[in-house]
Structures are given as structure tokens and as C-alpha cells.
Amino acid sequence: MLYLNESWRPEEGGELQVFNRENDSEVCAQVVPEAGRIAVFLSEEIPHEVLPAHRTRHSVACWFRQDEVPLPL
């Protein structure tokens, strides 16, 4: 996730909240969506959510995926 939000203020919310994968009620990190900040994590394995934002929030998300394909015999 690459954030594109100039002059983001704490009262505007919109943080990415990341949880402990063994205890999904334990918050491990909160990432403020400030311009130029990057968050990289395994989204399929790490519980996370985006908190409500009180202004328009801009970001670019990219997912990399590897599917296992059976080899021909």
C-alpha cells in the first residue's frame, strides 16, 4: 500500500490497523496514511482493517500472488 495523502492529520482517521496473526484482537501496528508511506504485508495471512476516514483517502494497492500449478507428468 502506497499512501498519497498530503498533510494528513490524526483527527482525519483512516489508519491501517494490523493485528497479531495468533491473536486477532491484539493490534500490532497502526499506519497513518501519510503521503509517501508504504505498508507491505501478507494480506491473506495478516488480519487487518482500515479505520473510518473523515476525508477522502488516496492510496495505491498492489497484490502479488503465486498460484501453484501442477507440473505435467
PDB file of N, CA and C in Angstrom:
ATOM      1  N   MET A   1       0.846  -1.151   0.000  1.00  0.00           N
ATOM      2  CA  MET A   1       0.000   0.000   0.000  1.00  0.00           C
ATOM      3  C   MET A   1       0.900   1.225   0.000  1.00  0.00           C
ATOM      4  N   LEU A   2       0.708   2.102  -0.960  1.00  0.00           N
ATOM      5  CA  LEU A   2       1.427   3.369  -1.031  1.00  0.00           C
ATOM      6  C   LEU A   2       0.406   4.477  -0.803  1.00  0.00           C
ATOM      7  N   TYR A   3       0.655   5.308   0.177  1.00  0.00           N
ATOM      8  CA  TYR A   3      -0.274   6.385   0.515  1.00  0.00           C
ATOM      9  C   TYR A   3       0.091   7.661  -0.215  1.00  0.00           C
ATOM     10  N   LEU A   4      -0.937   8.415  -0.632  1.00  0.00           N
ATOM     11  CA  LEU A   4      -0.764   9.603  -1.462  1.00  0.00           C
ATOM     12  C   LEU A   4      -1.366  10.851  -0.820  1.00  0.00           C
ATOM     13  N   ASN A   5      -1.590  10.839   0.483  1.00  0.00           N
ATOM     14  CA  ASN A   5      -2.331  11.894   1.162  1.00  0.00           C
ATOM     15  C   ASN A   5      -1.410  12.951   1.761  1.00  0.00           C
ATOM     16  N   GLU A   6      -1.409  14.135   1.175  1.00  0.00           N
ATOM     17  CA  GLU A   6      -0.616  15.249   1.695  1.00  0.00           C
ATOM     18  C   GLU A   6      -1.267  15.818   2.951  1.00  0.00           C
ATOM     19  N   SER A   7      -0.468  16.219   3.906  1.00  0.00           N
ATOM     20  CA  SER A   7      -0.915  16.932   5.111  1.00  0.00           C
ATOM     21  C   SER A   7      -2.030  16.204   5.850  1.00  0.00           C
ATOM     22  N   TRP A   8      -1.887  14.892   6.018  1.00  0.00           N
ATOM     23  CA  TRP A   8      -2.892  14.102   6.747  1.00  0.00           C
ATOM     24  C   TRP A   8      -2.772  14.400   8.237  1.00  0.00           C
ATOM     25  N   ARG A   9      -3.894  14.686   8.883  1.00  0.00           N
ATOM     26  CA  ARG A   9      -3.907  14.996  10.315  1.00  0.00           C
ATOM     27  C   ARG A   9      -4.487  13.826  11.102  1.00  0.00           C
ATOM     28  N   PRO A  10      -4.023  13.572  12.328  1.00  0.00           N
ATOM     29  CA  PRO A  10      -4.501  12.439  13.132  1.00  0.00           C
ATOM     30  C   PRO A  10      -6.023  12.392  13.283  1.00  0.00           C
ATOM     31  N   GLU A  11      -6.664  13.525  13.420  1.00  0.00           N
ATOM     32  CA  GLU A  11      -8.120  13.540  13.609  1.00  0.00           C
ATOM     33  C   GLU A  11      -8.893  13.123  12.349  1.00  0.00           C
ATOM     34  N   GLU A  12      -8.193  12.953  11.220  1.00  0.00           N
ATOM     35  CA  GLU A  12      -8.847  12.522   9.987  1.00  0.00           C
ATOM     36  C   GLU A  12      -8.993  11.011   9.896  1.00  0.00           C
ATOM     37  N   GLY A  13      -8.387  10.259  10.839  1.00  0.00           N
ATOM     38  CA  GLY A  13      -8.561   8.804  10.887  1.00  0.00           C
ATOM     39  C   GLY A  13      -7.932   8.105   9.700  1.00  0.00           C
ATOM     40  N   GLY A  14      -8.589   7.016   9.223  1.00  0.00           N
ATOM     41  CA  GLY A  14      -8.157   6.305   8.028  1.00  0.00           C
ATOM     42  C   GLY A  14      -6.922   5.439   8.178  1.00  0.00           C
ATOM     43  N   GLU A  15      -6.504   5.147   9.424  1.00  0.00           N
ATOM     44  CA  GLU A  15      -5.296   4.344   9.622  1.00  0.00           C
ATOM     45  C   GLU A  15      -5.514   2.888   9.207  1.00  0.00           C
ATOM     46  N   LEU A  16      -4.458   2.266   8.731  1.00  0.00           N
ATOM     47  CA  LEU A  16      -4.435   0.827   8.521  1.00  0.00           C
ATOM     48  C   LEU A  16      -4.085   0.213   9.867  1.00  0.00           C
ATOM     49  N   GLN A  17      -4.954  -0.642  10.372  1.00  0.00           N
ATOM     50  CA  GLN A  17      -4.714  -1.294  11.657  1.00  0.00           C
ATOM     51  C   GLN A  17      -4.326  -2.744  11.376  1.00  0.00           C
ATOM     52  N   VAL A  18      -3.199  -3.184  11.906  1.00  0.00           N
ATOM     53  CA  VAL A  18      -2.670  -4.526  11.668  1.00  0.00           C
ATOM     54  C   VAL A  18      -2.723  -5.295  12.983  1.00  0.00           C
ATOM     55  N   PHE A  19      -3.242  -6.532  12.918  1.00  0.00           N
ATOM     56  CA  PHE A  19      -3.430  -7.351  14.112  1.00  0.00           C
ATOM     57  C   PHE A  19      -2.434  -8.504  14.161  1.00  0.00           C
ATOM     58  N   ASN A  20      -2.213  -9.006  15.368  1.00  0.00           N
ATOM     59  CA  ASN A  20      -1.392 -10.190  15.596  1.00  0.00           C
ATOM     60  C   ASN A  20      -2.085 -11.385  14.935  1.00  0.00           C
ATOM     61  N   ARG A  21      -1.354 -12.152  14.132  1.00  0.00           N
ATOM     62  CA  ARG A  21      -1.998 -13.277  13.444  1.00  0.00           C
ATOM     63  C   ARG A  21      -2.393 -14.411  14.385  1.00  0.00           C
ATOM     64  N   GLU A  22      -1.781 -14.506  15.582  1.00  0.00           N
ATOM     65  CA  GLU A  22      -2.183 -15.525  16.552  1.00  0.00           C
ATOM     66  C   GLU A  22      -3.294 -15.051  17.486  1.00  0.00           C
ATOM     67  N   ASN A  23      -3.483 -13.737  17.571  1.00  0.00           N
ATOM     68  CA  ASN A  23      -4.497 -13.168  18.459  1.00  0.00           C
ATOM     69  C   ASN A  23      -5.071 -11.940  17.754  1.00  0.00           C
ATOM     70  N   ASP A  24      -6.147 -12.156  16.981  1.00  0.00           N
ATOM     71  CA  ASP A  24      -6.636 -11.066  16.133  1.00  0.00           C
ATOM     72  C   ASP A  24      -7.347  -9.941  16.883  1.00  0.00           C
ATOM     73  N   SER A  25      -7.318  -9.976  18.222  1.00  0.00           N
ATOM     74  CA  SER A  25      -7.810  -8.825  18.982  1.00  0.00           C
ATOM     75  C   SER A  25      -6.655  -7.928  19.434  1.00  0.00           C
ATOM     76  N   GLU A  26      -5.407  -8.368  19.193  1.00  0.00           N
ATOM     77  CA  GLU A  26      -4.223  -7.592  19.575  1.00  0.00           C
ATOM     78  C   GLU A  26      -3.719  -6.765  18.390  1.00  0.00           C
ATOM     79  N   VAL A  27      -3.773  -5.438  18.528  1.00  0.00           N
ATOM     80  CA  VAL A  27      -3.286  -4.541  17.476  1.00  0.00           C
ATOM     81  C   VAL A  27      -1.766  -4.474  17.569  1.00  0.00           C
ATOM     82  N   CYS A  28      -1.101  -4.784  16.461  1.00  0.00           N
ATOM     83  CA  CYS A  28       0.369  -4.734  16.406  1.00  0.00           C
ATOM     84  C   CYS A  28       0.872  -3.398  15.890  1.00  0.00           C
ATOM     85  N   ALA A  29       0.086  -2.768  15.009  1.00  0.00           N
ATOM     86  CA  ALA A  29       0.528  -1.507  14.415  1.00  0.00           C
ATOM     87  C   ALA A  29      -0.660  -0.743  13.873  1.00  0.00           C
ATOM     88  N   GLN A  30      -0.506   0.576  13.846  1.00  0.00           N
ATOM     89  CA  GLN A  30      -1.437   1.455  13.148  1.00  0.00           C
ATOM     90  C   GLN A  30      -0.604   2.316  12.207  1.00  0.00           C
ATOM     91  N   VAL A  31      -0.948   2.278  10.934  1.00  0.00           N
ATOM     92  CA  VAL A  31      -0.200   3.014   9.927  1.00  0.00           C
ATOM     93  C   VAL A  31      -1.032   4.216   9.479  1.00  0.00           C
ATOM     94  N   VAL A  32      -0.514   5.405   9.741  1.00  0.00           N
ATOM     95  CA  VAL A  32      -1.183   6.641   9.331  1.00  0.00           C
ATOM     96  C   VAL A  32      -0.980   6.807   7.828  1.00  0.00           C
ATOM     97  N   PRO A  33      -2.041   7.117   7.073  1.00  0.00           N
ATOM     98  CA  PRO A  33      -1.938   7.181   5.607  1.00  0.00           C
ATOM     99  C   PRO A  33      -1.319   8.470   5.076  1.00  0.00           C
ATOM    100  N   GLU A  34      -0.102   8.758   5.494  1.00  0.00           N
ATOM    101  CA  GLU A  34       0.601   9.977   5.061  1.00  0.00           C
ATOM    102  C   GLU A  34       1.280   9.757   3.717  1.00  0.00           C
ATOM    103  N   ALA A  35       1.339  10.799   2.920  1.00  0.00           N
ATOM    104  CA  ALA A  35       1.942  10.726   1.590  1.00  0.00           C
ATOM    105  C   ALA A  35       3.359  10.164   1.647  1.00  0.00           C
ATOM    106  N   GLY A  36       3.645   9.201   0.758  1.00  0.00           N
ATOM    107  CA  GLY A  36       4.976   8.614   0.666  1.00  0.00           C
ATOM    108  C   GLY A  36       5.198   7.418   1.570  1.00  0.00           C
ATOM    109  N   ARG A  37       4.285   7.146   2.469  1.00  0.00           N
ATOM    110  CA  ARG A  37       4.429   5.998   3.375  1.00  0.00           C
ATOM    111  C   ARG A  37       3.997   4.736   2.643  1.00  0.00           C
ATOM    112  N   ILE A  38       4.716   3.646   2.880  1.00  0.00           N
ATOM    113  CA  ILE A  38       4.415   2.363   2.256  1.00  0.00           C
ATOM    114  C   ILE A  38       4.206   1.320   3.350  1.00  0.00           C
ATOM    115  N   ALA A  39       3.161   0.504   3.197  1.00  0.00           N
ATOM    116  CA  ALA A  39       2.920  -0.628   4.093  1.00  0.00           C
ATOM    117  C   ALA A  39       2.956  -1.897   3.242  1.00  0.00           C
ATOM    118  N   VAL A  40       3.820  -2.834   3.629  1.00  0.00           N
ATOM    119  CA  VAL A  40       3.960  -4.094   2.897  1.00  0.00           C
ATOM    120  C   VAL A  40       3.720  -5.229   3.891  1.00  0.00           C
ATOM    121  N   PHE A  41       2.763  -6.095   3.586  1.00  0.00           N
ATOM    122  CA  PHE A  41       2.461  -7.224   4.461  1.00  0.00           C
ATOM    123  C   PHE A  41       1.703  -8.282   3.660  1.00  0.00           C
ATOM    124  N   LEU A  42       1.621  -9.485   4.190  1.00  0.00           N
ATOM    125  CA  LEU A  42       0.902 -10.580   3.541  1.00  0.00           C
ATOM    126  C   LEU A  42      -0.574 -10.465   3.910  1.00  0.00           C
ATOM    127  N   SER A  43      -1.351  -9.831   3.051  1.00  0.00           N
ATOM    128  CA  SER A  43      -2.739  -9.513   3.390  1.00  0.00           C
ATOM    129  C   SER A  43      -3.617 -10.745   3.585  1.00  0.00           C
ATOM    130  N   GLU A  44      -3.270 -11.866   2.963  1.00  0.00           N
ATOM    131  CA  GLU A  44      -4.050 -13.095   3.156  1.00  0.00           C
ATOM    132  C   GLU A  44      -3.766 -13.751   4.504  1.00  0.00           C
ATOM    133  N   GLU A  45      -2.617 -13.445   5.092  1.00  0.00           N
ATOM    134  CA  GLU A  45      -2.209 -14.096   6.341  1.00  0.00           C
ATOM    135  C   GLU A  45      -2.295 -13.190   7.563  1.00  0.00           C
ATOM    136  N   ILE A  46      -2.244 -11.896   7.368  1.00  0.00           N
ATOM    137  CA  ILE A  46      -2.208 -10.944   8.481  1.00  0.00           C
ATOM    138  C   ILE A  46      -3.573 -10.266   8.596  1.00  0.00           C
ATOM    139  N   PRO A  47      -4.274 -10.443   9.723  1.00  0.00           N
ATOM    140  CA  PRO A  47      -5.548  -9.745   9.890  1.00  0.00           C
ATOM    141  C   PRO A  47      -5.320  -8.230   9.917  1.00  0.00           C
ATOM    142  N   HIS A  48      -6.191  -7.486   9.225  1.00  0.00           N
ATOM    143  CA  HIS A  48      -6.035  -6.035   9.140  1.00  0.00           C
ATOM    144  C   HIS A  48      -7.375  -5.396   8.807  1.00  0.00           C
ATOM    145  N   GLU A  49      -7.452  -4.100   9.044  1.00  0.00           N
ATOM    146  CA  GLU A  49      -8.625  -3.328   8.657  1.00  0.00           C
ATOM    147  C   GLU A  49      -8.222  -1.872   8.479  1.00  0.00           C
ATOM    148  N   VAL A  50      -9.044  -1.145   7.751  1.00  0.00           N
ATOM    149  CA  VAL A  50      -8.833   0.291   7.594  1.00  0.00           C
ATOM    150  C   VAL A  50      -9.889   0.993   8.432  1.00  0.00           C
ATOM    151  N   LEU A  51      -9.452   1.868   9.318  1.00  0.00           N
ATOM    152  CA  LEU A  51     -10.373   2.606  10.168  1.00  0.00           C
ATOM    153  C   LEU A  51     -11.074   3.691   9.360  1.00  0.00           C
ATOM    154  N   PRO A  52     -12.271   4.101   9.779  1.00  0.00           N
ATOM    155  CA  PRO A  52     -13.002   5.132   9.033  1.00  0.00           C
ATOM    156  C   PRO A  52     -12.182   6.414   8.884  1.00  0.00           C
ATOM    157  N   ALA A  53     -12.264   6.997   7.691  1.00  0.00           N
ATOM    158  CA  ALA A  53     -11.567   8.258   7.400  1.00  0.00           C
ATOM    159  C   ALA A  53     -12.596   9.387   7.339  1.00  0.00           C
ATOM    160  N   HIS A  54     -12.170  10.575   7.734  1.00  0.00           N
ATOM    161  CA  HIS A  54     -13.061  11.726   7.756  1.00  0.00           C
ATOM    162  C   HIS A  54     -12.725  12.725   6.650  1.00  0.00           C
ATOM    163  N   ARG A  55     -11.989  12.263   5.652  1.00  0.00           N
ATOM    164  CA  ARG A  55     -11.775  12.992   4.402  1.00  0.00           C
ATOM    165  C   ARG A  55     -11.408  11.948   3.358  1.00  0.00           C
ATOM    166  N   THR A  56     -11.383  12.330   2.114  1.00  0.00           N
ATOM    167  CA  THR A  56     -11.050  11.376   1.053  1.00  0.00           C
ATOM    168  C   THR A  56      -9.627  10.879   1.250  1.00  0.00           C
ATOM    169  N   ARG A  57      -9.461   9.573   1.164  1.00  0.00           N
ATOM    170  CA  ARG A  57      -8.174   8.913   1.415  1.00  0.00           C
ATOM    171  C   ARG A  57      -7.713   8.296   0.099  1.00  0.00           C
ATOM    172  N   HIS A  58      -6.487   8.621  -0.328  1.00  0.00           N
ATOM    173  CA  HIS A  58      -5.953   8.112  -1.597  1.00  0.00           C
ATOM    174  C   HIS A  58      -4.784   7.167  -1.327  1.00  0.00           C
ATOM    175  N   SER A  59      -4.795   6.036  -2.034  1.00  0.00           N
ATOM    176  CA  SER A  59      -3.693   5.084  -1.916  1.00  0.00           C
ATOM    177  C   SER A  59      -3.650   4.214  -3.176  1.00  0.00           C
ATOM    178  N   VAL A  60      -2.518   3.564  -3.356  1.00  0.00           N
ATOM    179  CA  VAL A  60      -2.352   2.604  -4.437  1.00  0.00           C
ATOM    180  C   VAL A  60      -2.044   1.268  -3.781  1.00  0.00           C
ATOM    181  N   ALA A  61      -2.826   0.249  -4.140  1.00  0.00           N
ATOM    182  CA  ALA A  61      -2.613  -1.089  -3.578  1.00  0.00           C
ATOM    183  C   ALA A  61      -2.190  -2.032  -4.699  1.00  0.00           C
ATOM    184  N   CYS A  62      -1.326  -2.949  -4.352  1.00  0.00           N
ATOM    185  CA  CYS A  62      -0.850  -3.938  -5.316  1.00  0.00           C
ATOM    186  C   CYS A  62      -0.770  -5.282  -4.620  1.00  0.00           C
ATOM    187  N   TRP A  63      -1.278  -6.315  -5.260  1.00  0.00           N
ATOM    188  CA  TRP A  63      -1.210  -7.654  -4.695  1.00  0.00           C
ATOM    189  C   TRP A  63      -0.343  -8.513  -5.604  1.00  0.00           C
ATOM    190  N   PHE A  64       0.559  -9.261  -5.003  1.00  0.00           N
ATOM    191  CA  PHE A  64       1.353 -10.248  -5.724  1.00  0.00           C
ATOM    192  C   PHE A  64       0.836 -11.608  -5.305  1.00  0.00           C
ATOM    193  N   ARG A  65       0.636 -12.461  -6.264  1.00  0.00           N
ATOM    194  CA  ARG A  65       0.047 -13.753  -5.969  1.00  0.00           C
ATOM    195  C   ARG A  65       0.810 -14.832  -6.719  1.00  0.00           C
ATOM    196  N   GLN A  66       0.961 -15.964  -6.060  1.00  0.00           N
ATOM    197  CA  GLN A  66       1.577 -17.112  -6.716  1.00  0.00           C
ATOM    198  C   GLN A  66       0.671 -18.305  -6.509  1.00  0.00           C
ATOM    199  N   ASP A  67       0.112 -18.789  -7.574  1.00  0.00           N
ATOM    200  CA  ASP A  67      -0.709 -19.994  -7.521  1.00  0.00           C
ATOM    201  C   ASP A  67       0.160 -21.176  -7.912  1.00  0.00           C
ATOM    202  N   GLU A  68       0.018 -22.239  -7.181  1.00  0.00           N
ATOM    203  CA  GLU A  68       0.789 -23.432  -7.518  1.00  0.00           C
ATOM    204  C   GLU A  68       0.079 -24.164  -8.646  1.00  0.00           C
ATOM    205  N   VAL A  69       0.805 -24.395  -9.701  1.00  0.00           N
ATOM    206  CA  VAL A  69       0.262 -25.102 -10.860  1.00  0.00           C
ATOM    207  C   VAL A  69       0.934 -26.468 -10.910  1.00  0.00           C
ATOM    208  N   PRO A  70       0.144 -27.530 -11.005  1.00  0.00           N
ATOM    209  CA  PRO A  70       0.760 -28.866 -11.067  1.00  0.00           C
ATOM    210  C   PRO A  70       1.614 -29.028 -12.331  1.00  0.00           C
ATOM    211  N   LEU A  71       2.759 -29.634 -12.159  1.00  0.00           N
ATOM    212  CA  LEU A  71       3.649 -29.893 -13.298  1.00  0.00           C
ATOM    213  C   LEU A  71       3.105 -31.081 -14.106  1.00  0.00           C
ATOM    214  N   PRO A  72       3.244 -31.031 -15.429  1.00  0.00           N
ATOM    215  CA  PRO A  72       2.785 -32.167 -16.248  1.00  0.00           C
ATOM    216  C   PRO A  72       3.649 -33.389 -15.944  1.00  0.00           C
ATOM    217  N   LEU A  73       3.027 -34.541 -16.011  1.00  0.00           N
ATOM    218  CA  LEU A  73       3.762 -35.800 -15.754  1.00  0.00           C
ATOM    219  C   LEU A  73       4.480 -36.298 -16.970  1.00  0.00           C
TER     220      LEU A  73
END
